[in-house]
Amino acid sequence: MLFQKCTIDDLPALQEISRSTYRATFAAQNTEANMNAYLDDAFNAEKLKNELLTEASSFYFAYENGRLAGYLKLNESGAQTDVNDPSSIELERIYVIPDFQGQGVGRFLMNRAVTIARERNRTYLWLGVWEKNERALKFYRKNGFSPMGTHAFVMGTDIQRDYLLRKDL
């Protein structure tokens, strides 16, 4: 599997994979209006461009047999969505295209996130995951994450609860 840091040239592909994987994962449990509002806000081209250009954030694509299979987004202190601890890295997104789920892409991306955090001498990774996303919760537990709190996540007009999980390195 190929692992590649994203650049501004990857913006169209990043926007497409972000929107399609998010919709595939969460559309069935949310209203169409809330889904569209979230996608238009979180994954609009200008916002993603700014995130790509933010020094404390990094995006990485995973390719399997030449096909884009998934990506991850890491945030260091200053760009983190909640904790903002300089000894940590936030794993804000780990998205896998549905056709590649169950084939080790998520595990591959998780291992890369851990490697990057260790190379940067961080003591832990943390993330937020929707309390109703059982598949992701199982994956994170299996990868050594444990609860450390909660925070609100706004999906359109719906205020949802995310569990904050931590993995010590």
N, C-alpha and C. Protein backbone atom coordinates (compact mmCIF):
# COMPACT_ATOMS: atom_id res chain seq x y z
N MET A 1 0.85 -1.18 0.00
CA MET A 1 0.00 0.00 0.00
C MET A 1 0.90 1.24 0.00
N LEU A 2 0.52 2.23 -0.79
CA LEU A 2 1.26 3.47 -0.89
C LEU A 2 0.66 4.50 0.06
N PHE A 3 1.52 5.21 0.76
CA PHE A 3 1.13 6.25 1.72
C PHE A 3 1.77 7.54 1.26
N GLN A 4 0.95 8.57 1.04
CA GLN A 4 1.46 9.80 0.44
C GLN A 4 0.86 11.02 1.11
N LYS A 5 1.70 11.98 1.48
CA LYS A 5 1.22 13.23 2.06
C LYS A 5 0.50 14.04 0.97
N CYS A 6 -0.64 14.60 1.32
CA CYS A 6 -1.43 15.40 0.37
C CYS A 6 -0.83 16.79 0.22
N THR A 7 -1.01 17.32 -0.97
CA THR A 7 -0.63 18.70 -1.27
C THR A 7 -1.88 19.43 -1.77
N ILE A 8 -1.72 20.70 -2.02
CA ILE A 8 -2.83 21.51 -2.52
C ILE A 8 -3.35 20.95 -3.85
N ASP A 9 -2.51 20.30 -4.61
CA ASP A 9 -2.94 19.68 -5.87
C ASP A 9 -3.93 18.54 -5.66
N ASP A 10 -3.98 18.00 -4.45
CA ASP A 10 -4.88 16.90 -4.13
C ASP A 10 -6.26 17.38 -3.68
N LEU A 11 -6.48 18.68 -3.66
CA LEU A 11 -7.74 19.22 -3.16
C LEU A 11 -8.99 18.59 -3.79
N PRO A 12 -9.09 18.48 -5.12
CA PRO A 12 -10.30 17.87 -5.69
C PRO A 12 -10.54 16.43 -5.21
N ALA A 13 -9.49 15.63 -5.17
CA ALA A 13 -9.63 14.24 -4.71
C ALA A 13 -9.97 14.20 -3.22
N LEU A 14 -9.37 15.08 -2.44
CA LEU A 14 -9.66 15.13 -1.01
C LEU A 14 -11.11 15.51 -0.76
N GLN A 15 -11.61 16.47 -1.49
CA GLN A 15 -13.00 16.87 -1.33
C GLN A 15 -13.94 15.73 -1.71
N GLU A 16 -13.67 15.06 -2.80
CA GLU A 16 -14.52 13.95 -3.25
C GLU A 16 -14.54 12.81 -2.24
N ILE A 17 -13.36 12.36 -1.79
CA ILE A 17 -13.31 11.24 -0.85
C ILE A 17 -13.92 11.63 0.50
N SER A 18 -13.73 12.86 0.92
CA SER A 18 -14.30 13.32 2.19
C SER A 18 -15.82 13.27 2.14
N ARG A 19 -16.38 13.85 1.11
CA ARG A 19 -17.84 13.90 0.98
C ARG A 19 -18.45 12.50 0.80
N SER A 20 -17.85 11.70 -0.06
CA SER A 20 -18.45 10.40 -0.36
C SER A 20 -18.34 9.43 0.83
N THR A 21 -17.20 9.40 1.50
CA THR A 21 -17.06 8.47 2.63
C THR A 21 -17.91 8.93 3.81
N TYR A 22 -17.98 10.23 4.04
CA TYR A 22 -18.80 10.72 5.15
C TYR A 22 -20.27 10.39 4.90
N ARG A 23 -20.73 10.66 3.68
CA ARG A 23 -22.13 10.35 3.36
C ARG A 23 -22.41 8.85 3.49
N ALA A 24 -21.52 8.02 2.97
CA ALA A 24 -21.73 6.57 3.04
C ALA A 24 -21.80 6.08 4.49
N THR A 25 -21.05 6.71 5.36
CA THR A 25 -20.99 6.27 6.75
C THR A 25 -22.17 6.77 7.58
N PHE A 26 -22.60 8.01 7.35
CA PHE A 26 -23.54 8.63 8.28
C PHE A 26 -24.91 9.00 7.72
N ALA A 27 -25.14 8.88 6.43
CA ALA A 27 -26.40 9.34 5.84
C ALA A 27 -27.61 8.60 6.41
N ALA A 28 -27.49 7.31 6.63
CA ALA A 28 -28.64 6.52 7.09
C ALA A 28 -29.11 6.92 8.49
N GLN A 29 -28.24 7.53 9.28
CA GLN A 29 -28.59 7.88 10.66
C GLN A 29 -28.84 9.36 10.87
N ASN A 30 -28.88 10.13 9.78
CA ASN A 30 -29.09 11.57 9.88
C ASN A 30 -30.04 12.02 8.79
N THR A 31 -30.67 13.17 9.00
CA THR A 31 -31.58 13.68 7.98
C THR A 31 -30.77 14.16 6.77
N GLU A 32 -31.40 14.16 5.63
CA GLU A 32 -30.75 14.64 4.41
C GLU A 32 -30.35 16.11 4.56
N ALA A 33 -31.22 16.91 5.19
CA ALA A 33 -30.92 18.33 5.37
C ALA A 33 -29.69 18.52 6.25
N ASN A 34 -29.60 17.79 7.35
CA ASN A 34 -28.44 17.90 8.23
C ASN A 34 -27.18 17.38 7.54
N MET A 35 -27.32 16.31 6.78
CA MET A 35 -26.17 15.76 6.07
C MET A 35 -25.65 16.78 5.06
N ASN A 36 -26.53 17.34 4.26
CA ASN A 36 -26.10 18.32 3.25
C ASN A 36 -25.49 19.56 3.88
N ALA A 37 -26.08 20.03 4.98
CA ALA A 37 -25.54 21.21 5.66
C ALA A 37 -24.12 20.92 6.16
N TYR A 38 -23.91 19.74 6.74
CA TYR A 38 -22.59 19.40 7.25
C TYR A 38 -21.57 19.26 6.11
N LEU A 39 -21.95 18.54 5.06
CA LEU A 39 -21.03 18.35 3.93
C LEU A 39 -20.65 19.68 3.30
N ASP A 40 -21.63 20.57 3.15
CA ASP A 40 -21.36 21.87 2.54
C ASP A 40 -20.46 22.74 3.41
N ASP A 41 -20.55 22.57 4.72
CA ASP A 41 -19.71 23.34 5.63
C ASP A 41 -18.33 22.71 5.80
N ALA A 42 -18.29 21.45 6.18
CA ALA A 42 -17.02 20.80 6.55
C ALA A 42 -16.12 20.51 5.36
N PHE A 43 -16.72 20.24 4.21
CA PHE A 43 -15.93 19.78 3.07
C PHE A 43 -16.04 20.69 1.85
N ASN A 44 -16.29 21.97 2.09
CA ASN A 44 -16.28 22.88 0.93
C ASN A 44 -14.83 23.12 0.55
N ALA A 45 -14.61 23.47 -0.70
CA ALA A 45 -13.26 23.57 -1.25
C ALA A 45 -12.40 24.59 -0.51
N GLU A 46 -12.97 25.72 -0.15
CA GLU A 46 -12.19 26.76 0.53
C GLU A 46 -11.73 26.29 1.91
N LYS A 47 -12.62 25.65 2.64
CA LYS A 47 -12.26 25.15 3.98
C LYS A 47 -11.17 24.08 3.89
N LEU A 48 -11.35 23.14 2.98
CA LEU A 48 -10.32 22.09 2.82
C LEU A 48 -8.99 22.68 2.37
N LYS A 49 -9.04 23.68 1.50
CA LYS A 49 -7.81 24.34 1.06
C LYS A 49 -7.09 24.95 2.25
N ASN A 50 -7.84 25.64 3.11
CA ASN A 50 -7.24 26.25 4.30
C ASN A 50 -6.65 25.18 5.23
N GLU A 51 -7.34 24.07 5.37
CA GLU A 51 -6.83 22.99 6.21
C GLU A 51 -5.55 22.40 5.61
N LEU A 52 -5.52 22.23 4.30
CA LEU A 52 -4.31 21.71 3.65
C LEU A 52 -3.13 22.65 3.84
N LEU A 53 -3.39 23.95 3.90
CA LEU A 53 -2.33 24.94 4.03
C LEU A 53 -1.95 25.23 5.49
N THR A 54 -2.69 24.67 6.43
CA THR A 54 -2.40 24.87 7.85
C THR A 54 -1.20 24.01 8.24
N GLU A 55 -0.17 24.65 8.75
CA GLU A 55 1.07 23.96 9.07
C GLU A 55 0.89 22.86 10.11
N ALA A 56 -0.01 23.05 11.06
CA ALA A 56 -0.20 22.08 12.14
C ALA A 56 -1.14 20.94 11.77
N SER A 57 -1.61 20.91 10.53
CA SER A 57 -2.47 19.82 10.05
C SER A 57 -1.79 19.11 8.88
N SER A 58 -2.01 17.81 8.80
CA SER A 58 -1.46 17.02 7.70
C SER A 58 -2.50 16.02 7.22
N PHE A 59 -2.60 15.89 5.90
CA PHE A 59 -3.46 14.89 5.27
C PHE A 59 -2.57 13.89 4.55
N TYR A 60 -2.99 12.62 4.59
CA TYR A 60 -2.24 11.57 3.90
C TYR A 60 -3.23 10.64 3.20
N PHE A 61 -2.93 10.33 1.94
CA PHE A 61 -3.73 9.36 1.18
C PHE A 61 -3.10 7.99 1.27
N ALA A 62 -3.95 6.97 1.24
CA ALA A 62 -3.52 5.58 1.11
C ALA A 62 -4.04 5.06 -0.22
N TYR A 63 -3.15 4.47 -0.99
CA TYR A 63 -3.50 3.90 -2.29
C TYR A 63 -3.28 2.40 -2.25
N GLU A 64 -4.23 1.67 -2.79
CA GLU A 64 -4.12 0.22 -2.92
C GLU A 64 -4.22 -0.12 -4.40
N ASN A 65 -3.17 -0.72 -4.93
CA ASN A 65 -3.12 -1.07 -6.35
C ASN A 65 -3.45 0.13 -7.24
N GLY A 66 -2.89 1.30 -6.87
CA GLY A 66 -3.06 2.50 -7.68
C GLY A 66 -4.37 3.24 -7.49
N ARG A 67 -5.24 2.71 -6.65
CA ARG A 67 -6.54 3.35 -6.40
C ARG A 67 -6.56 3.99 -5.03
N LEU A 68 -7.12 5.19 -4.94
CA LEU A 68 -7.26 5.86 -3.66
C LEU A 68 -8.21 5.04 -2.79
N ALA A 69 -7.73 4.63 -1.62
CA ALA A 69 -8.49 3.74 -0.75
C ALA A 69 -8.97 4.43 0.53
N GLY A 70 -8.26 5.48 0.95
CA GLY A 70 -8.64 6.16 2.19
C GLY A 70 -7.66 7.27 2.50
N TYR A 71 -7.92 7.94 3.61
CA TYR A 71 -7.01 8.99 4.04
C TYR A 71 -7.10 9.22 5.53
N LEU A 72 -6.11 9.90 6.05
CA LEU A 72 -6.17 10.34 7.43
C LEU A 72 -5.76 11.79 7.52
N LYS A 73 -6.27 12.45 8.56
CA LYS A 73 -5.92 13.83 8.86
C LYS A 73 -5.43 13.89 10.29
N LEU A 74 -4.25 14.46 10.47
CA LEU A 74 -3.65 14.62 11.79
C LEU A 74 -3.54 16.10 12.11
N ASN A 75 -3.83 16.44 13.37
CA ASN A 75 -3.71 17.82 13.84
C ASN A 75 -2.80 17.88 15.05
N GLU A 76 -1.85 18.81 14.99
CA GLU A 76 -1.02 19.07 16.15
C GLU A 76 -1.63 20.23 16.93
N SER A 77 -1.09 20.49 18.11
CA SER A 77 -1.61 21.55 18.97
C SER A 77 -1.72 22.85 18.17
N GLY A 78 -2.79 23.56 18.39
CA GLY A 78 -3.06 24.78 17.64
C GLY A 78 -4.08 24.56 16.56
N ALA A 79 -4.06 23.38 15.95
CA ALA A 79 -5.05 23.02 14.93
C ALA A 79 -6.03 21.97 15.45
N GLN A 80 -5.80 21.50 16.66
CA GLN A 80 -6.67 20.45 17.21
C GLN A 80 -8.07 21.00 17.48
N THR A 81 -9.05 20.13 17.34
CA THR A 81 -10.44 20.54 17.48
C THR A 81 -10.87 20.67 18.93
N ASP A 82 -10.12 20.09 19.87
CA ASP A 82 -10.57 20.11 21.25
C ASP A 82 -9.43 20.20 22.25
N VAL A 83 -8.64 19.18 22.39
CA VAL A 83 -7.70 19.02 23.49
C VAL A 83 -6.57 20.06 23.48
N ASN A 84 -5.96 20.29 22.34
CA ASN A 84 -4.86 21.24 22.18
C ASN A 84 -3.71 21.02 23.17
N ASP A 85 -3.26 19.79 23.22
CA ASP A 85 -2.13 19.42 24.08
C ASP A 85 -0.91 19.22 23.19
N PRO A 86 0.16 19.99 23.39
CA PRO A 86 1.35 19.86 22.55
C PRO A 86 2.01 18.49 22.61
N SER A 87 1.69 17.70 23.62
CA SER A 87 2.27 16.35 23.70
C SER A 87 1.42 15.32 22.96
N SER A 88 0.39 15.78 22.28
CA SER A 88 -0.52 14.86 21.58
C SER A 88 -0.64 15.21 20.10
N ILE A 89 -1.20 14.27 19.36
CA ILE A 89 -1.66 14.51 17.99
C ILE A 89 -3.11 14.03 17.92
N GLU A 90 -3.94 14.86 17.32
CA GLU A 90 -5.33 14.47 17.10
C GLU A 90 -5.43 13.72 15.78
N LEU A 91 -6.06 12.58 15.82
CA LEU A 91 -6.42 11.84 14.62
C LEU A 91 -7.84 12.28 14.29
N GLU A 92 -7.94 13.39 13.53
CA GLU A 92 -9.27 13.97 13.27
C GLU A 92 -10.09 13.12 12.30
N ARG A 93 -9.44 12.57 11.29
CA ARG A 93 -10.17 11.76 10.32
C ARG A 93 -9.35 10.55 9.93
N ILE A 94 -10.02 9.44 9.85
CA ILE A 94 -9.47 8.24 9.25
C ILE A 94 -10.64 7.66 8.45
N TYR A 95 -10.66 7.97 7.16
CA TYR A 95 -11.77 7.63 6.28
C TYR A 95 -11.30 6.60 5.26
N VAL A 96 -12.10 5.54 5.11
CA VAL A 96 -11.79 4.49 4.16
C VAL A 96 -12.98 4.35 3.21
N ILE A 97 -12.69 4.34 1.92
CA ILE A 97 -13.74 4.15 0.91
C ILE A 97 -14.42 2.80 1.15
N PRO A 98 -15.74 2.75 1.10
CA PRO A 98 -16.46 1.51 1.41
C PRO A 98 -15.93 0.27 0.69
N ASP A 99 -15.54 0.38 -0.58
CA ASP A 99 -15.02 -0.78 -1.31
C ASP A 99 -13.76 -1.36 -0.70
N PHE A 100 -13.06 -0.58 0.11
CA PHE A 100 -11.80 -1.02 0.71
C PHE A 100 -11.93 -1.36 2.19
N GLN A 101 -13.11 -1.19 2.76
CA GLN A 101 -13.29 -1.50 4.18
C GLN A 101 -13.15 -3.00 4.40
N GLY A 102 -12.55 -3.35 5.53
CA GLY A 102 -12.34 -4.75 5.86
C GLY A 102 -11.12 -5.35 5.17
N GLN A 103 -10.31 -4.52 4.50
CA GLN A 103 -9.14 -5.02 3.77
C GLN A 103 -7.82 -4.52 4.37
N GLY A 104 -7.87 -3.98 5.59
CA GLY A 104 -6.65 -3.55 6.27
C GLY A 104 -6.23 -2.12 6.02
N VAL A 105 -7.01 -1.36 5.27
CA VAL A 105 -6.65 0.03 4.98
C VAL A 105 -6.70 0.86 6.26
N GLY A 106 -7.75 0.68 7.06
CA GLY A 106 -7.87 1.41 8.32
C GLY A 106 -6.72 1.10 9.25
N ARG A 107 -6.37 -0.16 9.36
CA ARG A 107 -5.25 -0.58 10.21
C ARG A 107 -3.95 0.04 9.70
N PHE A 108 -3.76 0.02 8.37
CA PHE A 108 -2.58 0.62 7.76
C PHE A 108 -2.48 2.11 8.12
N LEU A 109 -3.58 2.84 7.96
CA LEU A 109 -3.59 4.26 8.27
C LEU A 109 -3.35 4.50 9.77
N MET A 110 -3.95 3.67 10.61
CA MET A 110 -3.75 3.81 12.05
C MET A 110 -2.28 3.60 12.40
N ASN A 111 -1.67 2.58 11.83
CA ASN A 111 -0.25 2.32 12.10
C ASN A 111 0.62 3.49 11.66
N ARG A 112 0.28 4.10 10.54
CA ARG A 112 1.03 5.27 10.08
C ARG A 112 0.84 6.46 11.02
N ALA A 113 -0.38 6.65 11.52
CA ALA A 113 -0.62 7.74 12.47
C ALA A 113 0.21 7.55 13.73
N VAL A 114 0.27 6.33 14.23
CA VAL A 114 1.07 6.03 15.42
C VAL A 114 2.55 6.29 15.14
N THR A 115 3.03 5.84 13.99
CA THR A 115 4.44 6.05 13.62
C THR A 115 4.77 7.54 13.56
N ILE A 116 3.91 8.32 12.93
CA ILE A 116 4.14 9.77 12.82
C ILE A 116 4.15 10.41 14.20
N ALA A 117 3.22 10.04 15.05
CA ALA A 117 3.17 10.61 16.40
C ALA A 117 4.44 10.27 17.18
N ARG A 118 4.90 9.04 17.05
CA ARG A 118 6.13 8.65 17.75
C ARG A 118 7.35 9.39 17.19
N GLU A 119 7.41 9.53 15.87
CA GLU A 119 8.52 10.26 15.25
C GLU A 119 8.56 11.72 15.72
N ARG A 120 7.41 12.26 16.05
CA ARG A 120 7.31 13.65 16.52
C ARG A 120 7.37 13.73 18.05
N ASN A 121 7.70 12.62 18.67
CA ASN A 121 7.86 12.54 20.13
C ASN A 121 6.61 12.94 20.90
N ARG A 122 5.46 12.56 20.39
CA ARG A 122 4.20 12.81 21.10
C ARG A 122 3.95 11.63 22.04
N THR A 123 3.21 11.89 23.12
CA THR A 123 2.96 10.83 24.10
C THR A 123 1.64 10.11 23.89
N TYR A 124 0.73 10.73 23.12
CA TYR A 124 -0.53 10.04 22.84
C TYR A 124 -1.21 10.61 21.60
N LEU A 125 -2.07 9.76 21.04
CA LEU A 125 -3.01 10.15 19.98
C LEU A 125 -4.38 10.27 20.63
N TRP A 126 -5.20 11.16 20.11
CA TRP A 126 -6.58 11.22 20.58
C TRP A 126 -7.49 11.50 19.39
N LEU A 127 -8.78 11.22 19.59
CA LEU A 127 -9.77 11.43 18.54
C LEU A 127 -11.15 11.56 19.15
N GLY A 128 -12.06 12.06 18.34
CA GLY A 128 -13.47 12.10 18.69
C GLY A 128 -14.23 11.18 17.74
N VAL A 129 -15.15 10.39 18.27
CA VAL A 129 -15.93 9.46 17.45
C VAL A 129 -17.38 9.49 17.93
N TRP A 130 -18.30 9.53 16.99
CA TRP A 130 -19.73 9.59 17.31
C TRP A 130 -20.12 8.38 18.14
N GLU A 131 -20.88 8.62 19.19
CA GLU A 131 -21.29 7.55 20.09
C GLU A 131 -22.10 6.45 19.39
N LYS A 132 -22.70 6.75 18.24
CA LYS A 132 -23.50 5.76 17.52
C LYS A 132 -22.72 5.05 16.40
N ASN A 133 -21.45 5.38 16.24
CA ASN A 133 -20.64 4.76 15.19
C ASN A 133 -19.96 3.50 15.76
N GLU A 134 -20.75 2.44 15.89
CA GLU A 134 -20.29 1.21 16.54
C GLU A 134 -19.09 0.59 15.82
N ARG A 135 -19.10 0.62 14.51
CA ARG A 135 -17.99 0.03 13.76
C ARG A 135 -16.67 0.73 14.09
N ALA A 136 -16.70 2.06 14.10
CA ALA A 136 -15.48 2.81 14.42
C ALA A 136 -15.08 2.61 15.88
N LEU A 137 -16.05 2.61 16.79
CA LEU A 137 -15.74 2.40 18.21
C LEU A 137 -15.04 1.05 18.41
N LYS A 138 -15.52 0.03 17.76
CA LYS A 138 -14.90 -1.30 17.86
C LYS A 138 -13.47 -1.25 17.32
N PHE A 139 -13.28 -0.59 16.17
CA PHE A 139 -11.96 -0.47 15.56
C PHE A 139 -11.00 0.24 16.50
N TYR A 140 -11.44 1.35 17.11
CA TYR A 140 -10.55 2.12 17.98
C TYR A 140 -10.22 1.35 19.27
N ARG A 141 -11.21 0.67 19.83
CA ARG A 141 -10.93 -0.15 21.01
C ARG A 141 -9.90 -1.22 20.68
N LYS A 142 -10.08 -1.85 19.53
CA LYS A 142 -9.16 -2.90 19.09
C LYS A 142 -7.74 -2.35 18.90
N ASN A 143 -7.63 -1.07 18.59
CA ASN A 143 -6.33 -0.43 18.37
C ASN A 143 -5.80 0.29 19.61
N GLY A 144 -6.35 -0.03 20.77
CA GLY A 144 -5.79 0.45 22.03
C GLY A 144 -6.25 1.81 22.52
N PHE A 145 -7.35 2.33 21.98
CA PHE A 145 -7.87 3.61 22.45
C PHE A 145 -8.81 3.37 23.63
N SER A 146 -8.80 4.30 24.58
CA SER A 146 -9.69 4.21 25.74
C SER A 146 -10.35 5.57 25.97
N PRO A 147 -11.49 5.60 26.65
CA PRO A 147 -12.24 6.85 26.85
C PRO A 147 -11.48 7.87 27.68
N MET A 148 -11.65 9.15 27.30
CA MET A 148 -11.09 10.23 28.12
C MET A 148 -12.06 11.40 28.25
N GLY A 149 -13.26 11.30 27.68
CA GLY A 149 -14.24 12.36 27.80
C GLY A 149 -15.23 12.36 26.65
N THR A 150 -15.97 13.45 26.53
CA THR A 150 -16.94 13.63 25.44
C THR A 150 -16.89 15.08 24.98
N HIS A 151 -17.44 15.31 23.79
CA HIS A 151 -17.66 16.68 23.35
C HIS A 151 -18.84 16.70 22.38
N ALA A 152 -19.39 17.89 22.19
CA ALA A 152 -20.52 18.05 21.28
C ALA A 152 -20.01 18.12 19.84
N PHE A 153 -20.80 17.55 18.95
CA PHE A 153 -20.51 17.59 17.52
C PHE A 153 -21.78 18.06 16.84
N VAL A 154 -21.69 19.10 16.04
CA VAL A 154 -22.88 19.67 15.41
C VAL A 154 -23.00 19.17 13.98
N MET A 155 -24.13 18.52 13.71
CA MET A 155 -24.45 17.99 12.38
C MET A 155 -25.69 18.72 11.91
N GLY A 156 -25.47 19.82 11.17
CA GLY A 156 -26.61 20.64 10.75
C GLY A 156 -27.26 21.27 11.96
N THR A 157 -28.52 20.88 12.24
CA THR A 157 -29.23 21.40 13.42
C THR A 157 -29.20 20.42 14.58
N ASP A 158 -28.57 19.28 14.41
CA ASP A 158 -28.54 18.23 15.43
C ASP A 158 -27.23 18.30 16.22
N ILE A 159 -27.35 18.42 17.52
CA ILE A 159 -26.16 18.40 18.37
C ILE A 159 -25.98 16.96 18.87
N GLN A 160 -24.89 16.36 18.44
CA GLN A 160 -24.61 14.96 18.76
C GLN A 160 -23.47 14.88 19.76
N ARG A 161 -23.27 13.68 20.32
CA ARG A 161 -22.19 13.49 21.28
C ARG A 161 -21.11 12.59 20.69
N ASP A 162 -19.89 13.07 20.78
CA ASP A 162 -18.72 12.27 20.41
C ASP A 162 -18.01 11.82 21.68
N TYR A 163 -17.52 10.60 21.65
CA TYR A 163 -16.62 10.15 22.70
C TYR A 163 -15.22 10.60 22.31
N LEU A 164 -14.47 11.10 23.27
CA LEU A 164 -13.06 11.39 23.07
C LEU A 164 -12.29 10.18 23.56
N LEU A 165 -11.43 9.65 22.67
CA LEU A 165 -10.66 8.47 22.98
C LEU A 165 -9.18 8.79 22.88
N ARG A 166 -8.38 8.06 23.66
CA ARG A 166 -6.95 8.32 23.74
C ARG A 166 -6.18 7.01 23.63
N LYS A 167 -5.05 7.09 22.93
CA LYS A 167 -4.12 5.96 22.85
C LYS A 167 -2.75 6.45 23.29
N ASP A 168 -2.26 5.92 24.40
CA ASP A 168 -0.93 6.28 24.86
C ASP A 168 0.10 5.55 24.01
N LEU A 169 1.20 6.26 23.72
CA LEU A 169 2.23 5.70 22.83
C LEU A 169 3.44 5.21 23.60
